[in-house]
N, C-alpha and C. Protein backbone atom coordinates (compact mmCIF):
# COMPACT_ATOMS: atom_id res chain seq x y z
N UNK A 1 -49.40 -57.43 -77.59
CA UNK A 1 -49.62 -57.45 -75.77
C UNK A 1 -48.61 -58.05 -75.44
N UNK A 2 -48.71 -59.78 -76.09
CA UNK A 2 -47.67 -60.97 -75.64
C UNK A 2 -46.09 -60.51 -76.67
N UNK A 3 -46.41 -60.25 -77.43
CA UNK A 3 -44.88 -59.90 -78.39
C UNK A 3 -44.17 -58.85 -76.94
N UNK A 4 -45.05 -58.03 -76.38
CA UNK A 4 -44.09 -56.93 -75.67
C UNK A 4 -43.48 -57.69 -74.42
N UNK A 5 -44.45 -58.14 -74.07
CA UNK A 5 -44.17 -58.94 -72.25
C UNK A 5 -42.97 -59.99 -73.02
N UNK A 6 -42.99 -60.88 -74.10
CA UNK A 6 -41.88 -61.83 -74.38
C UNK A 6 -40.51 -60.77 -74.61
N UNK A 7 -40.78 -59.67 -75.23
CA UNK A 7 -40.02 -59.38 -75.68
C UNK A 7 -39.03 -58.56 -74.38
N UNK A 8 -39.74 -58.14 -73.50
CA UNK A 8 -39.21 -57.84 -72.11
C UNK A 8 -38.68 -58.87 -71.39
N UNK A 9 -39.24 -59.92 -71.41
CA UNK A 9 -38.65 -61.06 -70.89
C UNK A 9 -37.19 -61.54 -71.25
N UNK A 10 -37.18 -61.90 -72.72
CA UNK A 10 -35.92 -61.80 -73.31
C UNK A 10 -34.67 -60.80 -72.63
N UNK A 11 -35.18 -59.12 -72.66
CA UNK A 11 -34.07 -58.40 -72.24
C UNK A 11 -34.12 -58.38 -70.81
N UNK A 12 -34.35 -59.47 -70.77
CA UNK A 12 -34.35 -58.93 -68.49
C UNK A 12 -32.73 -59.80 -68.14
N UNK A 13 -32.51 -59.05 -67.32
CA UNK A 13 -31.00 -59.24 -67.11
C UNK A 13 -31.21 -59.92 -65.48
N UNK A 14 -32.30 -59.49 -65.19
CA UNK A 14 -31.90 -60.05 -63.70
C UNK A 14 -31.89 -61.36 -63.39
N UNK A 15 -31.28 -61.55 -62.32
CA UNK A 15 -31.68 -63.66 -62.24
C UNK A 15 -30.11 -64.01 -62.62
N UNK A 16 -29.63 -63.20 -63.69
CA UNK A 16 -28.49 -64.24 -64.26
C UNK A 16 -27.47 -64.64 -63.65
N UNK A 17 -26.70 -63.63 -62.40
CA UNK A 17 -25.88 -64.13 -60.97
C UNK A 17 -26.51 -65.25 -60.72
N UNK A 18 -27.68 -65.54 -60.69
CA UNK A 18 -28.08 -66.95 -59.47
C UNK A 18 -27.48 -67.85 -60.68
N UNK A 19 -28.42 -67.87 -61.78
CA UNK A 19 -28.33 -69.06 -62.53
C UNK A 19 -27.06 -69.05 -62.92
N UNK A 20 -26.16 -68.51 -63.28
CA UNK A 20 -24.47 -68.36 -63.20
C UNK A 20 -24.13 -69.30 -61.84
N UNK A 21 -24.21 -69.40 -61.00
CA UNK A 21 -23.62 -69.72 -59.78
C UNK A 21 -24.52 -71.05 -59.44
N UNK A 22 -25.83 -71.29 -60.17
CA UNK A 22 -26.28 -72.39 -60.05
C UNK A 22 -25.97 -73.69 -60.80
N UNK A 23 -24.96 -73.01 -62.25
CA UNK A 23 -24.43 -73.81 -63.11
C UNK A 23 -23.25 -74.24 -62.70
N UNK A 24 -22.25 -73.44 -61.81
CA UNK A 24 -20.89 -73.30 -61.40
C UNK A 24 -20.91 -73.98 -59.99
N UNK A 25 -21.54 -73.94 -59.37
CA UNK A 25 -21.50 -74.18 -58.06
C UNK A 25 -21.09 -75.87 -57.41
N UNK A 26 -21.99 -77.03 -58.39
CA UNK A 26 -21.55 -78.17 -58.10
C UNK A 26 -20.15 -78.62 -58.50
N UNK A 27 -19.53 -77.91 -59.52
CA UNK A 27 -18.25 -77.85 -60.40
C UNK A 27 -17.16 -77.58 -59.39
N UNK A 28 -17.47 -76.50 -58.88
CA UNK A 28 -16.62 -75.39 -57.42
C UNK A 28 -16.37 -76.51 -56.32
N UNK A 29 -17.82 -77.35 -56.05
CA UNK A 29 -18.18 -77.81 -54.61
C UNK A 29 -17.27 -79.07 -55.15
N UNK A 30 -17.18 -79.79 -56.08
CA UNK A 30 -16.81 -81.16 -56.46
C UNK A 30 -15.06 -80.07 -56.45
N UNK A 31 -14.47 -79.35 -56.73
CA UNK A 31 -13.03 -78.91 -56.95
C UNK A 31 -12.64 -78.73 -55.12
N UNK A 32 -13.36 -78.39 -54.70
CA UNK A 32 -12.92 -77.95 -53.04
C UNK A 32 -12.76 -79.60 -52.45
N UNK A 33 -13.52 -80.19 -52.31
CA UNK A 33 -13.94 -81.43 -51.60
C UNK A 33 -12.67 -82.31 -52.14
N UNK A 34 -12.68 -82.14 -53.69
CA UNK A 34 -11.62 -83.27 -53.93
C UNK A 34 -10.27 -82.74 -53.40
N UNK A 35 -9.92 -81.54 -53.98
CA UNK A 35 -8.51 -81.12 -52.81
C UNK A 35 -8.19 -81.31 -52.01
N UNK A 36 -9.08 -81.30 -51.15
CA UNK A 36 -9.45 -81.53 -49.41
C UNK A 36 -9.05 -82.81 -49.15
N UNK A 37 -9.75 -83.85 -50.05
CA UNK A 37 -9.35 -85.35 -49.97
C UNK A 37 -7.84 -85.72 -50.69
N UNK A 38 -7.42 -85.06 -51.77
CA UNK A 38 -6.13 -84.79 -51.90
C UNK A 38 -4.94 -84.58 -50.75
N UNK A 39 -5.16 -83.49 -50.19
CA UNK A 39 -4.66 -83.08 -49.11
C UNK A 39 -4.67 -83.98 -47.82
N UNK A 40 -5.62 -84.93 -47.36
CA UNK A 40 -5.92 -85.72 -46.43
C UNK A 40 -5.03 -87.13 -47.36
N UNK A 41 -4.69 -87.61 -48.16
CA UNK A 41 -4.15 -88.95 -48.67
C UNK A 41 -2.81 -88.43 -48.56
N UNK A 42 -2.41 -87.22 -48.91
CA UNK A 42 -1.04 -87.19 -48.97
C UNK A 42 -0.42 -87.11 -47.38
N UNK A 43 -1.17 -86.51 -46.52
CA UNK A 43 -1.29 -86.21 -45.12
C UNK A 43 -0.21 -87.68 -44.86
N UNK A 44 -1.67 -88.85 -44.81
CA UNK A 44 -1.86 -89.93 -44.63
C UNK A 44 -0.43 -90.35 -45.60
N UNK A 45 -0.17 -90.42 -46.29
CA UNK A 45 0.82 -91.09 -46.93
C UNK A 45 2.00 -90.65 -46.27
N UNK A 46 2.58 -89.17 -46.37
CA UNK A 46 3.36 -88.97 -45.61
C UNK A 46 4.05 -89.48 -44.04
N UNK A 47 2.60 -89.35 -43.33
CA UNK A 47 2.43 -89.87 -42.12
C UNK A 47 3.14 -91.66 -41.84
N UNK A 48 2.82 -92.37 -43.16
CA UNK A 48 2.87 -93.93 -42.88
C UNK A 48 4.71 -94.08 -43.38
N UNK A 49 4.80 -93.29 -44.16
CA UNK A 49 6.50 -93.05 -44.30
C UNK A 49 6.96 -92.50 -43.06
N UNK A 50 7.01 -91.65 -42.33
CA UNK A 50 7.38 -91.36 -41.57
C UNK A 50 7.44 -92.18 -40.07
N UNK A 51 6.34 -92.80 -39.94
CA UNK A 51 6.06 -93.71 -38.68
C UNK A 51 7.01 -95.14 -39.31
N UNK A 52 6.96 -95.45 -40.34
CA UNK A 52 7.85 -96.40 -40.52
C UNK A 52 9.44 -96.49 -40.56
N UNK A 53 9.87 -95.23 -41.15
CA UNK A 53 11.47 -95.11 -40.71
C UNK A 53 11.46 -94.55 -39.39
N UNK A 54 10.95 -93.89 -38.12
CA UNK A 54 11.19 -93.92 -37.25
C UNK A 54 10.82 -94.96 -36.40
N UNK A 55 10.19 -96.21 -36.70
CA UNK A 55 10.20 -97.39 -36.08
C UNK A 55 11.02 -98.23 -36.32
N UNK A 56 11.55 -98.23 -37.71
CA UNK A 56 13.15 -99.22 -38.03
C UNK A 56 14.15 -98.38 -37.59
N UNK A 57 13.92 -97.23 -37.01
CA UNK A 57 15.55 -96.74 -36.58
C UNK A 57 15.35 -96.90 -34.86
N UNK A 58 14.01 -96.96 -34.45
CA UNK A 58 14.15 -97.12 -32.83
C UNK A 58 14.44 -98.75 -32.60
N UNK A 59 14.00 -99.91 -33.64
CA UNK A 59 14.17 -100.92 -33.35
C UNK A 59 15.42 -101.35 -33.66
N UNK A 60 16.56 -100.29 -34.53
CA UNK A 60 17.84 -100.78 -34.22
C UNK A 60 18.40 -100.05 -33.36
N UNK A 61 18.16 -98.98 -33.16
CA UNK A 61 18.91 -98.38 -32.07
C UNK A 61 18.60 -98.10 -30.76
N UNK A 62 17.14 -98.06 -30.32
CA UNK A 62 16.81 -97.90 -28.76
C UNK A 62 16.27 -99.54 -28.23
N UNK A 63 17.22 -100.36 -27.80
CA UNK A 63 17.04 -101.48 -27.67
C UNK A 63 16.14 -101.77 -26.39
N UNK A 64 15.64 -100.56 -25.35
CA UNK A 64 15.19 -100.48 -23.87
C UNK A 64 13.76 -100.18 -24.88
N UNK A 65 13.24 -98.92 -25.49
CA UNK A 65 12.03 -98.71 -25.87
C UNK A 65 11.60 -99.41 -26.81
N UNK A 66 12.32 -100.08 -27.75
CA UNK A 66 11.81 -100.92 -28.47
C UNK A 66 12.61 -102.35 -28.80
N UNK A 67 12.12 -102.97 -27.87
CA UNK A 67 13.39 -104.55 -27.73
C UNK A 67 12.69 -105.40 -28.02
N UNK A 68 11.30 -105.64 -28.25
CA UNK A 68 10.64 -106.95 -29.85
C UNK A 68 9.61 -106.14 -30.46
N UNK A 69 9.37 -106.90 -31.33
CA UNK A 69 7.83 -106.97 -32.41
C UNK A 69 7.31 -105.64 -32.04
N UNK A 70 6.63 -106.90 -31.22
CA UNK A 70 5.39 -105.74 -30.35
C UNK A 70 5.71 -104.87 -30.32
N UNK A 71 6.62 -104.62 -28.77
CA UNK A 71 6.73 -102.81 -29.16
C UNK A 71 7.30 -102.13 -29.94
N UNK A 72 7.51 -102.83 -31.05
CA UNK A 72 8.03 -101.77 -32.21
C UNK A 72 7.13 -101.43 -33.12
N UNK A 73 5.79 -102.13 -33.30
CA UNK A 73 4.73 -102.26 -34.04
C UNK A 73 3.71 -101.23 -33.04
N UNK A 74 3.95 -100.93 -31.47
CA UNK A 74 2.97 -100.13 -30.94
C UNK A 74 3.58 -98.70 -31.20
N UNK A 75 4.91 -98.70 -30.78
CA UNK A 75 5.54 -97.09 -31.19
C UNK A 75 5.12 -96.73 -32.69
N UNK A 76 5.07 -97.66 -33.50
CA UNK A 76 4.49 -97.14 -35.53
C UNK A 76 3.61 -96.30 -34.85
N UNK A 77 2.74 -97.32 -34.26
CA UNK A 77 1.28 -97.04 -33.98
C UNK A 77 0.92 -95.25 -33.99
N UNK A 78 1.92 -95.01 -32.46
CA UNK A 78 2.08 -94.39 -31.63
C UNK A 78 2.40 -92.91 -32.75
N UNK A 79 3.40 -92.93 -33.78
CA UNK A 79 4.17 -92.59 -34.23
C UNK A 79 3.58 -92.09 -35.87
N UNK A 80 2.34 -92.56 -36.02
CA UNK A 80 1.25 -92.69 -37.45
C UNK A 80 0.49 -91.39 -37.26
N UNK A 81 0.38 -90.52 -38.04
CA UNK A 81 -0.37 -89.40 -38.12
C UNK A 81 -1.17 -89.93 -39.55
N UNK A 82 -2.64 -89.77 -39.42
CA UNK A 82 -3.76 -89.51 -40.92
C UNK A 82 -4.49 -90.76 -40.39
N UNK A 83 -5.27 -90.48 -41.38
CA UNK A 83 -6.32 -91.30 -41.64
C UNK A 83 -6.14 -93.14 -41.50
N UNK A 84 -7.34 -93.28 -40.77
CA UNK A 84 -7.68 -94.77 -40.83
C UNK A 84 -6.52 -95.28 -39.66
N UNK A 85 -6.62 -96.64 -39.93
CA UNK A 85 -5.08 -97.31 -38.90
C UNK A 85 -4.30 -98.30 -39.51
N UNK A 86 -3.33 -97.87 -39.49
CA UNK A 86 -2.33 -99.07 -40.05
C UNK A 86 -1.76 -100.09 -39.48
N UNK A 87 -1.31 -101.60 -40.33
CA UNK A 87 -1.11 -102.58 -39.72
C UNK A 87 0.29 -101.97 -40.12
N UNK A 88 1.03 -103.28 -38.89
CA UNK A 88 3.01 -102.77 -39.00
C UNK A 88 3.24 -104.16 -38.84
N UNK A 89 3.94 -105.06 -40.23
CA UNK A 89 4.98 -105.92 -39.76
C UNK A 89 6.42 -105.56 -39.80
N UNK A 90 6.85 -106.46 -38.84
CA UNK A 90 8.30 -106.11 -37.92
C UNK A 90 9.37 -107.12 -38.20
N UNK A 91 10.15 -107.31 -39.11
CA UNK A 91 11.24 -108.56 -39.65
C UNK A 91 12.57 -107.73 -39.62
N UNK A 92 13.38 -108.67 -39.28
CA UNK A 92 15.07 -108.94 -39.85
C UNK A 92 15.40 -108.98 -41.21
N UNK A 93 15.81 -108.21 -41.73
CA UNK A 93 15.54 -108.50 -43.05
C UNK A 93 17.25 -108.36 -43.43
N UNK A 94 17.73 -108.97 -44.48
CA UNK A 94 19.46 -108.75 -44.93
C UNK A 94 20.07 -107.44 -44.41
N UNK A 95 18.83 -106.09 -44.76
CA UNK A 95 19.64 -104.73 -44.58
C UNK A 95 19.49 -104.50 -43.12
N UNK A 96 18.89 -105.04 -42.10
CA UNK A 96 19.13 -104.52 -41.16
C UNK A 96 17.53 -105.03 -40.61
N UNK A 97 17.02 -104.27 -39.50
CA UNK A 97 15.76 -104.15 -38.87
C UNK A 97 14.98 -103.56 -40.03
N UNK A 98 13.86 -104.23 -40.27
CA UNK A 98 12.67 -103.59 -41.27
C UNK A 98 11.23 -103.61 -40.70
N UNK A 99 10.34 -102.20 -41.18
CA UNK A 99 9.16 -102.22 -41.05
C UNK A 99 8.68 -102.03 -41.86
N UNK A 100 7.37 -102.57 -42.24
CA UNK A 100 6.31 -102.43 -43.22
C UNK A 100 5.24 -101.86 -42.66
N UNK A 101 4.54 -100.99 -43.45
CA UNK A 101 3.05 -100.52 -43.12
C UNK A 101 2.18 -100.60 -44.06
N UNK A 102 0.81 -101.06 -43.68
CA UNK A 102 -0.15 -100.79 -45.16
C UNK A 102 -1.33 -100.17 -44.42
N UNK A 103 -1.87 -99.79 -45.10
CA UNK A 103 -3.21 -98.93 -44.93
C UNK A 103 -4.25 -98.85 -45.72
N UNK A 104 -5.39 -98.92 -45.95
CA UNK A 104 -6.28 -98.84 -46.66
C UNK A 104 -7.00 -97.69 -46.38
N UNK A 105 -6.99 -96.31 -47.51
CA UNK A 105 -7.63 -94.97 -47.41
C UNK A 105 -8.99 -94.91 -47.73
N UNK A 106 -9.95 -94.42 -47.48
CA UNK A 106 -11.53 -94.94 -48.24
C UNK A 106 -12.02 -93.45 -48.26
N UNK A 107 -12.36 -93.45 -49.33
CA UNK A 107 -13.26 -92.05 -49.31
C UNK A 107 -14.83 -92.08 -49.90
N UNK A 108 -15.81 -91.38 -49.23
CA UNK A 108 -16.93 -91.53 -49.89
C UNK A 108 -17.36 -90.27 -50.80
N UNK A 109 -17.42 -91.02 -51.67
CA UNK A 109 -18.20 -90.01 -52.77
C UNK A 109 -19.44 -89.87 -52.87
N UNK A 110 -19.99 -88.71 -53.58
CA UNK A 110 -21.51 -89.25 -53.51
C UNK A 110 -22.01 -90.30 -54.14
N UNK A 111 -21.76 -91.09 -55.17
CA UNK A 111 -22.47 -92.01 -55.51
C UNK A 111 -21.31 -93.22 -55.71
N UNK A 112 -20.45 -93.02 -55.05
CA UNK A 112 -19.31 -94.31 -54.73
C UNK A 112 -18.21 -93.77 -53.60
N UNK A 113 -17.35 -95.33 -53.46
CA UNK A 113 -16.73 -95.21 -52.70
C UNK A 113 -15.22 -95.33 -53.32
N UNK A 114 -14.03 -94.84 -52.91
CA UNK A 114 -12.93 -94.69 -53.42
C UNK A 114 -12.31 -95.43 -52.01
N UNK A 115 -11.32 -96.66 -52.72
CA UNK A 115 -10.30 -97.01 -51.44
C UNK A 115 -9.08 -96.92 -52.24
N UNK A 116 -8.05 -96.03 -51.61
CA UNK A 116 -6.29 -96.25 -51.84
C UNK A 116 -5.47 -96.98 -51.25
N UNK A 117 -4.99 -98.15 -51.72
CA UNK A 117 -3.97 -98.81 -50.65
C UNK A 117 -2.74 -97.85 -50.74
N UNK A 118 -2.24 -98.34 -49.36
CA UNK A 118 -0.84 -96.93 -49.36
C UNK A 118 0.13 -98.20 -48.35
N UNK A 119 1.71 -97.80 -49.02
CA UNK A 119 2.02 -99.17 -48.37
C UNK A 119 3.58 -98.31 -47.98
N UNK A 120 4.47 -98.47 -46.80
CA UNK A 120 5.39 -98.20 -46.89
C UNK A 120 6.31 -98.97 -46.44
N UNK A 121 7.83 -99.45 -46.37
CA UNK A 121 8.77 -99.98 -46.16
C UNK A 121 9.78 -99.16 -45.87
N UNK A 122 10.45 -99.48 -44.60
CA UNK A 122 11.58 -98.66 -44.36
C UNK A 122 13.01 -99.80 -43.57
N UNK A 123 13.97 -99.78 -44.30
CA UNK A 123 14.75 -100.99 -43.57
C UNK A 123 16.29 -100.30 -42.67
N UNK A 124 16.45 -100.20 -41.67
CA UNK A 124 17.29 -99.75 -40.64
C UNK A 124 19.00 -100.54 -40.22
N UNK A 125 20.22 -100.46 -41.09
CA UNK A 125 20.96 -101.10 -40.32
C UNK A 125 21.40 -101.18 -38.81
């Protein structure tokens, strides 16, 4: 009697899909969330580079809109699209008008927090 029940239990295929899903779901969720975080990081890096380039150009070309360093910093803040709030440094270098931006992007993982420092510099003659 017990042998028949054990043999039937071993031969039973019901629930195998649920067990397979339970085994694969954590890895699949990690890949999806990691892909989203990677996309947000790339988006923020591209936004920082674009903001720095546009601010350096504005500082060199448009004397009315970007007349001093504080207006250039405000202009760069308005041009930035991404996660967190960067800090911009405006200076006059040998290459022309230079704008640098730095931001630290933090991602919360399940057990830890990952911080990625990002910086960009642009100089426009």
